Amino acid sequence: MISFRKRKSKQEKKDLEKDLERLGLTDNQKRIFFEIKSNRNITQKDLSLKIGISEKNIRNNIADLKEMGIVKRVGPDKGGYWEVKNIKN
């Protein structure tokens, strides 16, 4: 079975970035959001390496994103995944 994913247009990504900006996200939080959005199984360690900040800072930023209701962890730490909420104006 083959499945195809529709690519987001540049305009859709710009609109999403504007929505995130309106919510007051920092640059690191936006980067974390987009990494989680592209790979829902990404680990905090991998996020730390990709974004270039410590795992402690990743945890703090994720805690803020969770508090805002933007991301949610589903399942256990091992074997679970990230869920990203749809952001609308």
PDB file of N, CA and C in Angstrom:
ATOM      1  N   MET A   1       0.842  -1.173   0.000  1.00  0.00           N
ATOM      2  CA  MET A   1       0.000   0.000   0.000  1.00  0.00           C
ATOM      3  C   MET A   1       0.891   1.242   0.000  1.00  0.00           C
ATOM      4  N   ILE A   2       0.581   2.183  -0.826  1.00  0.00           N
ATOM      5  CA  ILE A   2       1.328   3.425  -0.908  1.00  0.00           C
ATOM      6  C   ILE A   2       0.402   4.571  -0.518  1.00  0.00           C
ATOM      7  N   SER A   3       0.921   5.456   0.319  1.00  0.00           N
ATOM      8  CA  SER A   3       0.126   6.629   0.672  1.00  0.00           C
ATOM      9  C   SER A   3       0.921   7.876   0.321  1.00  0.00           C
ATOM     10  N   PHE A   4       0.214   8.898  -0.080  1.00  0.00           N
ATOM     11  CA  PHE A   4       0.827  10.159  -0.446  1.00  0.00           C
ATOM     12  C   PHE A   4       0.358  11.231   0.519  1.00  0.00           C
ATOM     13  N   ARG A   5       1.283  12.087   0.908  1.00  0.00           N
ATOM     14  CA  ARG A   5       0.939  13.195   1.793  1.00  0.00           C
ATOM     15  C   ARG A   5       0.979  14.482   0.988  1.00  0.00           C
ATOM     16  N   LYS A   6      -0.028  15.266   1.167  1.00  0.00           N
ATOM     17  CA  LYS A   6      -0.084  16.553   0.487  1.00  0.00           C
ATOM     18  C   LYS A   6       0.912  17.497   1.147  1.00  0.00           C
ATOM     19  N   ARG A   7       1.726  18.131   0.327  1.00  0.00           N
ATOM     20  CA  ARG A   7       2.677  19.104   0.849  1.00  0.00           C
ATOM     21  C   ARG A   7       1.959  20.412   1.142  1.00  0.00           C
ATOM     22  N   LYS A   8       2.370  21.037   2.224  1.00  0.00           N
ATOM     23  CA  LYS A   8       1.809  22.336   2.580  1.00  0.00           C
ATOM     24  C   LYS A   8       2.387  23.383   1.639  1.00  0.00           C
ATOM     25  N   SER A   9       1.555  24.264   1.213  1.00  0.00           N
ATOM     26  CA  SER A   9       2.027  25.340   0.356  1.00  0.00           C
ATOM     27  C   SER A   9       2.829  26.334   1.194  1.00  0.00           C
ATOM     28  N   LYS A  10       3.635  27.123   0.530  1.00  0.00           N
ATOM     29  CA  LYS A  10       4.418  28.130   1.230  1.00  0.00           C
ATOM     30  C   LYS A  10       3.507  29.107   1.957  1.00  0.00           C
ATOM     31  N   GLN A  11       2.368  29.426   1.344  1.00  0.00           N
ATOM     32  CA  GLN A  11       1.431  30.364   1.973  1.00  0.00           C
ATOM     33  C   GLN A  11       0.845  29.772   3.259  1.00  0.00           C
ATOM     34  N   GLU A  12       0.515  28.486   3.231  1.00  0.00           N
ATOM     35  CA  GLU A  12      -0.031  27.844   4.429  1.00  0.00           C
ATOM     36  C   GLU A  12       0.992  27.869   5.564  1.00  0.00           C
ATOM     37  N   LYS A  13       2.267  27.632   5.225  1.00  0.00           N
ATOM     38  CA  LYS A  13       3.307  27.659   6.246  1.00  0.00           C
ATOM     39  C   LYS A  13       3.474  29.072   6.795  1.00  0.00           C
ATOM     40  N   LYS A  14       3.439  30.076   5.925  1.00  0.00           N
ATOM     41  CA  LYS A  14       3.546  31.464   6.381  1.00  0.00           C
ATOM     42  C   LYS A  14       2.381  31.822   7.298  1.00  0.00           C
ATOM     43  N   ASP A  15       1.172  31.382   6.936  1.00  0.00           N
ATOM     44  CA  ASP A  15      -0.004  31.649   7.766  1.00  0.00           C
ATOM     45  C   ASP A  15       0.153  31.002   9.138  1.00  0.00           C
ATOM     46  N   LEU A  16       0.652  29.766   9.169  1.00  0.00           N
ATOM     47  CA  LEU A  16       0.863  29.067  10.432  1.00  0.00           C
ATOM     48  C   LEU A  16       1.906  29.797  11.267  1.00  0.00           C
ATOM     49  N   GLU A  17       2.984  30.259  10.631  1.00  0.00           N
ATOM     50  CA  GLU A  17       4.017  30.996  11.355  1.00  0.00           C
ATOM     51  C   GLU A  17       3.442  32.281  11.959  1.00  0.00           C
ATOM     52  N   LYS A  18       2.570  32.964  11.219  1.00  0.00           N
ATOM     53  CA  LYS A  18       1.933  34.177  11.740  1.00  0.00           C
ATOM     54  C   LYS A  18       1.057  33.850  12.946  1.00  0.00           C
ATOM     55  N   ASP A  19       0.317  32.739  12.863  1.00  0.00           N
ATOM     56  CA  ASP A  19      -0.527  32.329  13.982  1.00  0.00           C
ATOM     57  C   ASP A  19       0.318  32.027  15.223  1.00  0.00           C
ATOM     58  N   LEU A  20       1.452  31.358  15.019  1.00  0.00           N
ATOM     59  CA  LEU A  20       2.337  31.047  16.134  1.00  0.00           C
ATOM     60  C   LEU A  20       2.938  32.322  16.711  1.00  0.00           C
ATOM     61  N   GLU A  21       3.268  33.259  15.847  1.00  0.00           N
ATOM     62  CA  GLU A  21       3.804  34.549  16.290  1.00  0.00           C
ATOM     63  C   GLU A  21       2.773  35.274  17.158  1.00  0.00           C
ATOM     64  N   ARG A  22       1.518  35.238  16.740  1.00  0.00           N
ATOM     65  CA  ARG A  22       0.437  35.883  17.498  1.00  0.00           C
ATOM     66  C   ARG A  22       0.284  35.289  18.893  1.00  0.00           C
ATOM     67  N   LEU A  23       0.597  34.014  19.010  1.00  0.00           N
ATOM     68  CA  LEU A  23       0.491  33.350  20.310  1.00  0.00           C
ATOM     69  C   LEU A  23       1.663  33.689  21.223  1.00  0.00           C
ATOM     70  N   GLY A  24       2.676  34.358  20.672  1.00  0.00           N
ATOM     71  CA  GLY A  24       3.819  34.773  21.483  1.00  0.00           C
ATOM     72  C   GLY A  24       4.890  33.721  21.657  1.00  0.00           C
ATOM     73  N   LEU A  25       4.980  32.775  20.736  1.00  0.00           N
ATOM     74  CA  LEU A  25       6.000  31.742  20.832  1.00  0.00           C
ATOM     75  C   LEU A  25       7.380  32.311  20.532  1.00  0.00           C
ATOM     76  N   THR A  26       8.366  31.792  21.238  1.00  0.00           N
ATOM     77  CA  THR A  26       9.755  32.167  20.970  1.00  0.00           C
ATOM     78  C   THR A  26      10.219  31.434  19.714  1.00  0.00           C
ATOM     79  N   ASP A  27      11.366  31.838  19.189  1.00  0.00           N
ATOM     80  CA  ASP A  27      11.909  31.171  18.009  1.00  0.00           C
ATOM     81  C   ASP A  27      12.160  29.690  18.282  1.00  0.00           C
ATOM     82  N   ASN A  28      12.708  29.368  19.461  1.00  0.00           N
ATOM     83  CA  ASN A  28      12.960  27.964  19.800  1.00  0.00           C
ATOM     84  C   ASN A  28      11.659  27.172  19.887  1.00  0.00           C
ATOM     85  N   GLN A  29      10.632  27.772  20.462  1.00  0.00           N
ATOM     86  CA  GLN A  29       9.346  27.082  20.562  1.00  0.00           C
ATOM     87  C   GLN A  29       8.756  26.829  19.185  1.00  0.00           C
ATOM     88  N   LYS A  30       8.899  27.792  18.284  1.00  0.00           N
ATOM     89  CA  LYS A  30       8.419  27.593  16.915  1.00  0.00           C
ATOM     90  C   LYS A  30       9.176  26.472  16.234  1.00  0.00           C
ATOM     91  N   ARG A  31      10.483  26.449  16.422  1.00  0.00           N
ATOM     92  CA  ARG A  31      11.288  25.386  15.803  1.00  0.00           C
ATOM     93  C   ARG A  31      10.897  24.015  16.365  1.00  0.00           C
ATOM     94  N   ILE A  32      10.693  23.951  17.683  1.00  0.00           N
ATOM     95  CA  ILE A  32      10.260  22.701  18.311  1.00  0.00           C
ATOM     96  C   ILE A  32       8.911  22.279  17.739  1.00  0.00           C
ATOM     97  N   PHE A  33       7.988  23.225  17.622  1.00  0.00           N
ATOM     98  CA  PHE A  33       6.670  22.942  17.065  1.00  0.00           C
ATOM     99  C   PHE A  33       6.785  22.325  15.672  1.00  0.00           C
ATOM    100  N   PHE A  34       7.569  22.938  14.795  1.00  0.00           N
ATOM    101  CA  PHE A  34       7.686  22.439  13.423  1.00  0.00           C
ATOM    102  C   PHE A  34       8.398  21.088  13.357  1.00  0.00           C
ATOM    103  N   GLU A  35       9.371  20.863  14.234  1.00  0.00           N
ATOM    104  CA  GLU A  35      10.048  19.555  14.270  1.00  0.00           C
ATOM    105  C   GLU A  35       9.073  18.465  14.718  1.00  0.00           C
ATOM    106  N   ILE A  36       8.285  18.766  15.751  1.00  0.00           N
ATOM    107  CA  ILE A  36       7.297  17.797  16.232  1.00  0.00           C
ATOM    108  C   ILE A  36       6.231  17.563  15.167  1.00  0.00           C
ATOM    109  N   LYS A  37       5.833  18.631  14.484  1.00  0.00           N
ATOM    110  CA  LYS A  37       4.820  18.514  13.433  1.00  0.00           C
ATOM    111  C   LYS A  37       5.305  17.615  12.299  1.00  0.00           C
ATOM    112  N   SER A  38       6.598  17.694  11.971  1.00  0.00           N
ATOM    113  CA  SER A  38       7.124  16.884  10.876  1.00  0.00           C
ATOM    114  C   SER A  38       7.469  15.455  11.307  1.00  0.00           C
ATOM    115  N   ASN A  39       7.691  15.237  12.614  1.00  0.00           N
ATOM    116  CA  ASN A  39       8.012  13.893  13.104  1.00  0.00           C
ATOM    117  C   ASN A  39       7.431  13.734  14.499  1.00  0.00           C
ATOM    118  N   ARG A  40       6.257  13.122  14.572  1.00  0.00           N
ATOM    119  CA  ARG A  40       5.567  13.030  15.862  1.00  0.00           C
ATOM    120  C   ARG A  40       6.244  12.071  16.846  1.00  0.00           C
ATOM    121  N   ASN A  41       7.221  11.311  16.381  1.00  0.00           N
ATOM    122  CA  ASN A  41       7.937  10.385  17.261  1.00  0.00           C
ATOM    123  C   ASN A  41       9.294  10.910  17.702  1.00  0.00           C
ATOM    124  N   ILE A  42       9.595  12.163  17.407  1.00  0.00           N
ATOM    125  CA  ILE A  42      10.906  12.726  17.733  1.00  0.00           C
ATOM    126  C   ILE A  42      11.113  12.762  19.245  1.00  0.00           C
ATOM    127  N   THR A  43      12.360  12.501  19.656  1.00  0.00           N
ATOM    128  CA  THR A  43      12.679  12.502  21.083  1.00  0.00           C
ATOM    129  C   THR A  43      13.202  13.875  21.506  1.00  0.00           C
ATOM    130  N   GLN A  44      13.202  14.101  22.798  1.00  0.00           N
ATOM    131  CA  GLN A  44      13.743  15.352  23.312  1.00  0.00           C
ATOM    132  C   GLN A  44      15.232  15.454  22.999  1.00  0.00           C
ATOM    133  N   LYS A  45      15.922  14.330  23.034  1.00  0.00           N
ATOM    134  CA  LYS A  45      17.350  14.323  22.701  1.00  0.00           C
ATOM    135  C   LYS A  45      17.561  14.748  21.251  1.00  0.00           C
ATOM    136  N   ASP A  46      16.762  14.198  20.346  1.00  0.00           N
ATOM    137  CA  ASP A  46      16.873  14.569  18.931  1.00  0.00           C
ATOM    138  C   ASP A  46      16.525  16.048  18.724  1.00  0.00           C
ATOM    139  N   LEU A  47      15.500  16.530  19.420  1.00  0.00           N
ATOM    140  CA  LEU A  47      15.148  17.951  19.338  1.00  0.00           C
ATOM    141  C   LEU A  47      16.313  18.817  19.803  1.00  0.00           C
ATOM    142  N   SER A  48      16.955  18.395  20.875  1.00  0.00           N
ATOM    143  CA  SER A  48      18.089  19.131  21.409  1.00  0.00           C
ATOM    144  C   SER A  48      19.212  19.230  20.378  1.00  0.00           C
ATOM    145  N   LEU A  49      19.493  18.137  19.703  1.00  0.00           N
ATOM    146  CA  LEU A  49      20.551  18.130  18.690  1.00  0.00           C
ATOM    147  C   LEU A  49      20.176  18.977  17.480  1.00  0.00           C
ATOM    148  N   LYS A  50      18.935  18.876  17.029  1.00  0.00           N
ATOM    149  CA  LYS A  50      18.502  19.618  15.837  1.00  0.00           C
ATOM    150  C   LYS A  50      18.423  21.114  16.092  1.00  0.00           C
ATOM    151  N   ILE A  51      17.958  21.501  17.266  1.00  0.00           N
ATOM    152  CA  ILE A  51      17.728  22.913  17.545  1.00  0.00           C
ATOM    153  C   ILE A  51      18.961  23.575  18.160  1.00  0.00           C
ATOM    154  N   GLY A  52      19.791  22.771  18.805  1.00  0.00           N
ATOM    155  CA  GLY A  52      21.032  23.306  19.352  1.00  0.00           C
ATOM    156  C   GLY A  52      20.899  23.919  20.729  1.00  0.00           C
ATOM    157  N   ILE A  53      19.940  23.420  21.510  1.00  0.00           N
ATOM    158  CA  ILE A  53      19.809  23.852  22.899  1.00  0.00           C
ATOM    159  C   ILE A  53      19.779  22.605  23.779  1.00  0.00           C
ATOM    160  N   SER A  54      19.989  22.795  25.077  1.00  0.00           N
ATOM    161  CA  SER A  54      20.070  21.658  25.989  1.00  0.00           C
ATOM    162  C   SER A  54      18.728  20.933  26.109  1.00  0.00           C
ATOM    163  N   GLU A  55      18.805  19.690  26.543  1.00  0.00           N
ATOM    164  CA  GLU A  55      17.573  18.912  26.747  1.00  0.00           C
ATOM    165  C   GLU A  55      16.702  19.557  27.824  1.00  0.00           C
ATOM    166  N   LYS A  56      17.323  20.181  28.812  1.00  0.00           N
ATOM    167  CA  LYS A  56      16.556  20.869  29.852  1.00  0.00           C
ATOM    168  C   LYS A  56      15.749  22.014  29.239  1.00  0.00           C
ATOM    169  N   ASN A  57      16.367  22.776  28.341  1.00  0.00           N
ATOM    170  CA  ASN A  57      15.649  23.860  27.680  1.00  0.00           C
ATOM    171  C   ASN A  57      14.552  23.321  26.762  1.00  0.00           C
ATOM    172  N   ILE A  58      14.789  22.172  26.136  1.00  0.00           N
ATOM    173  CA  ILE A  58      13.751  21.527  25.318  1.00  0.00           C
ATOM    174  C   ILE A  58      12.563  21.201  26.208  1.00  0.00           C
ATOM    175  N   ARG A  59      12.827  20.579  27.372  1.00  0.00           N
ATOM    176  CA  ARG A  59      11.744  20.214  28.297  1.00  0.00           C
ATOM    177  C   ARG A  59      10.960  21.449  28.743  1.00  0.00           C
ATOM    178  N   ASN A  60      11.673  22.531  29.073  1.00  0.00           N
ATOM    179  CA  ASN A  60      11.007  23.763  29.515  1.00  0.00           C
ATOM    180  C   ASN A  60      10.136  24.346  28.411  1.00  0.00           C
ATOM    181  N   ASN A  61      10.659  24.365  27.179  1.00  0.00           N
ATOM    182  CA  ASN A  61       9.880  24.899  26.058  1.00  0.00           C
ATOM    183  C   ASN A  61       8.678  24.021  25.750  1.00  0.00           C
ATOM    184  N   ILE A  62       8.850  22.708  25.822  1.00  0.00           N
ATOM    185  CA  ILE A  62       7.733  21.791  25.583  1.00  0.00           C
ATOM    186  C   ILE A  62       6.673  21.964  26.671  1.00  0.00           C
ATOM    187  N   ALA A  63       7.111  22.172  27.903  1.00  0.00           N
ATOM    188  CA  ALA A  63       6.156  22.407  28.997  1.00  0.00           C
ATOM    189  C   ALA A  63       5.308  23.640  28.697  1.00  0.00           C
ATOM    190  N   ASP A  64       5.944  24.695  28.169  1.00  0.00           N
ATOM    191  CA  ASP A  64       5.197  25.902  27.803  1.00  0.00           C
ATOM    192  C   ASP A  64       4.213  25.614  26.665  1.00  0.00           C
ATOM    193  N   LEU A  65       4.665  24.846  25.666  1.00  0.00           N
ATOM    194  CA  LEU A  65       3.788  24.508  24.540  1.00  0.00           C
ATOM    195  C   LEU A  65       2.603  23.662  25.002  1.00  0.00           C
ATOM    196  N   LYS A  66       2.854  22.751  25.936  1.00  0.00           N
ATOM    197  CA  LYS A  66       1.771  21.932  26.494  1.00  0.00           C
ATOM    198  C   LYS A  66       0.776  22.804  27.248  1.00  0.00           C
ATOM    199  N   GLU A  67       1.297  23.723  28.047  1.00  0.00           N
ATOM    200  CA  GLU A  67       0.442  24.603  28.843  1.00  0.00           C
ATOM    201  C   GLU A  67      -0.456  25.459  27.949  1.00  0.00           C
ATOM    202  N   MET A  68       0.075  25.865  26.799  1.00  0.00           N
ATOM    203  CA  MET A  68      -0.709  26.657  25.845  1.00  0.00           C
ATOM    204  C   MET A  68      -1.677  25.786  25.037  1.00  0.00           C
ATOM    205  N   GLY A  69      -1.548  24.462  25.176  1.00  0.00           N
ATOM    206  CA  GLY A  69      -2.431  23.557  24.456  1.00  0.00           C
ATOM    207  C   GLY A  69      -2.036  23.351  23.002  1.00  0.00           C
ATOM    208  N   ILE A  70      -0.781  23.639  22.670  1.00  0.00           N
ATOM    209  CA  ILE A  70      -0.320  23.536  21.288  1.00  0.00           C
ATOM    210  C   ILE A  70       0.161  22.131  20.961  1.00  0.00           C
ATOM    211  N   VAL A  71       0.833  21.480  21.911  1.00  0.00           N
ATOM    212  CA  VAL A  71       1.262  20.096  21.727  1.00  0.00           C
ATOM    213  C   VAL A  71       0.787  19.268  22.909  1.00  0.00           C
ATOM    214  N   LYS A  72       0.696  17.983  22.670  1.00  0.00           N
ATOM    215  CA  LYS A  72       0.241  17.057  23.703  1.00  0.00           C
ATOM    216  C   LYS A  72       1.002  15.755  23.522  1.00  0.00           C
ATOM    217  N   ARG A  73       1.405  15.153  24.614  1.00  0.00           N
ATOM    218  CA  ARG A  73       2.072  13.855  24.561  1.00  0.00           C
ATOM    219  C   ARG A  73       1.011  12.785  24.724  1.00  0.00           C
ATOM    220  N   VAL A  74       1.006  11.824  23.807  1.00  0.00           N
ATOM    221  CA  VAL A  74       0.054  10.724  23.848  1.00  0.00           C
ATOM    222  C   VAL A  74       0.833   9.447  24.132  1.00  0.00           C
ATOM    223  N   GLY A  75       0.433   8.742  25.159  1.00  0.00           N
ATOM    224  CA  GLY A  75       1.106   7.497  25.509  1.00  0.00           C
ATOM    225  C   GLY A  75       2.291   7.722  26.423  1.00  0.00           C
ATOM    226  N   PRO A  76       3.026   6.645  26.692  1.00  0.00           N
ATOM    227  CA  PRO A  76       4.151   6.727  27.621  1.00  0.00           C
ATOM    228  C   PRO A  76       5.349   7.445  27.004  1.00  0.00           C
ATOM    229  N   ASP A  77       6.338   7.743  27.859  1.00  0.00           N
ATOM    230  CA  ASP A  77       7.554   8.397  27.373  1.00  0.00           C
ATOM    231  C   ASP A  77       8.220   7.562  26.274  1.00  0.00           C
ATOM    232  N   LYS A  78       8.294   6.273  26.504  1.00  0.00           N
ATOM    233  CA  LYS A  78       8.838   5.374  25.472  1.00  0.00           C
ATOM    234  C   LYS A  78       7.664   4.724  24.753  1.00  0.00           C
ATOM    235  N   GLY A  79       7.610   4.904  23.465  1.00  0.00           N
ATOM    236  CA  GLY A  79       6.527   4.310  22.692  1.00  0.00           C
ATOM    237  C   GLY A  79       5.381   5.269  22.420  1.00  0.00           C
ATOM    238  N   GLY A  80       5.393   6.421  23.060  1.00  0.00           N
ATOM    239  CA  GLY A  80       4.351   7.416  22.829  1.00  0.00           C
ATOM    240  C   GLY A  80       4.702   8.291  21.637  1.00  0.00           C
ATOM    241  N   TYR A  81       3.866   9.276  21.411  1.00  0.00           N
ATOM    242  CA  TYR A  81       4.105  10.196  20.302  1.00  0.00           C
ATOM    243  C   TYR A  81       3.528  11.559  20.641  1.00  0.00           C
ATOM    244  N   TRP A  82       3.910  12.553  19.844  1.00  0.00           N
ATOM    245  CA  TRP A  82       3.434  13.918  20.022  1.00  0.00           C
ATOM    246  C   TRP A  82       2.230  14.169  19.141  1.00  0.00           C
ATOM    247  N   GLU A  83       1.296  14.918  19.663  1.00  0.00           N
ATOM    248  CA  GLU A  83       0.129  15.348  18.907  1.00  0.00           C
ATOM    249  C   GLU A  83       0.161  16.874  18.833  1.00  0.00           C
ATOM    250  N   VAL A  84       0.038  17.419  17.622  1.00  0.00           N
ATOM    251  CA  VAL A  84       0.059  18.861  17.421  1.00  0.00           C
ATOM    252  C   VAL A  84      -1.365  19.331  17.161  1.00  0.00           C
ATOM    253  N   LYS A  85      -1.771  20.346  17.908  1.00  0.00           N
ATOM    254  CA  LYS A  85      -3.110  20.908  17.734  1.00  0.00           C
ATOM    255  C   LYS A  85      -3.137  21.810  16.504  1.00  0.00           C
ATOM    256  N   ASN A  86      -4.276  21.866  15.845  1.00  0.00           N
ATOM    257  CA  ASN A  86      -4.432  22.791  14.728  1.00  0.00           C
ATOM    258  C   ASN A  86      -4.497  24.206  15.278  1.00  0.00           C
ATOM    259  N   ILE A  87      -3.695  25.077  14.719  1.00  0.00           N
ATOM    260  CA  ILE A  87      -3.640  26.463  15.157  1.00  0.00           C
ATOM    261  C   ILE A  87      -4.414  27.300  14.149  1.00  0.00           C
ATOM    262  N   LYS A  88      -5.399  27.985  14.617  1.00  0.00           N
ATOM    263  CA  LYS A  88      -6.188  28.882  13.761  1.00  0.00           C
ATOM    264  C   LYS A  88      -6.237  30.237  14.409  1.00  0.00           C
ATOM    265  N   ASN A  89      -6.414  31.263  13.593  1.00  0.00           N
ATOM    266  CA  ASN A  89      -6.473  32.640  14.078  1.00  0.00           C
ATOM    267  C   ASN A  89      -7.245  32.663  15.373  1.00  0.00           C
TER     268      ASN A  89
END
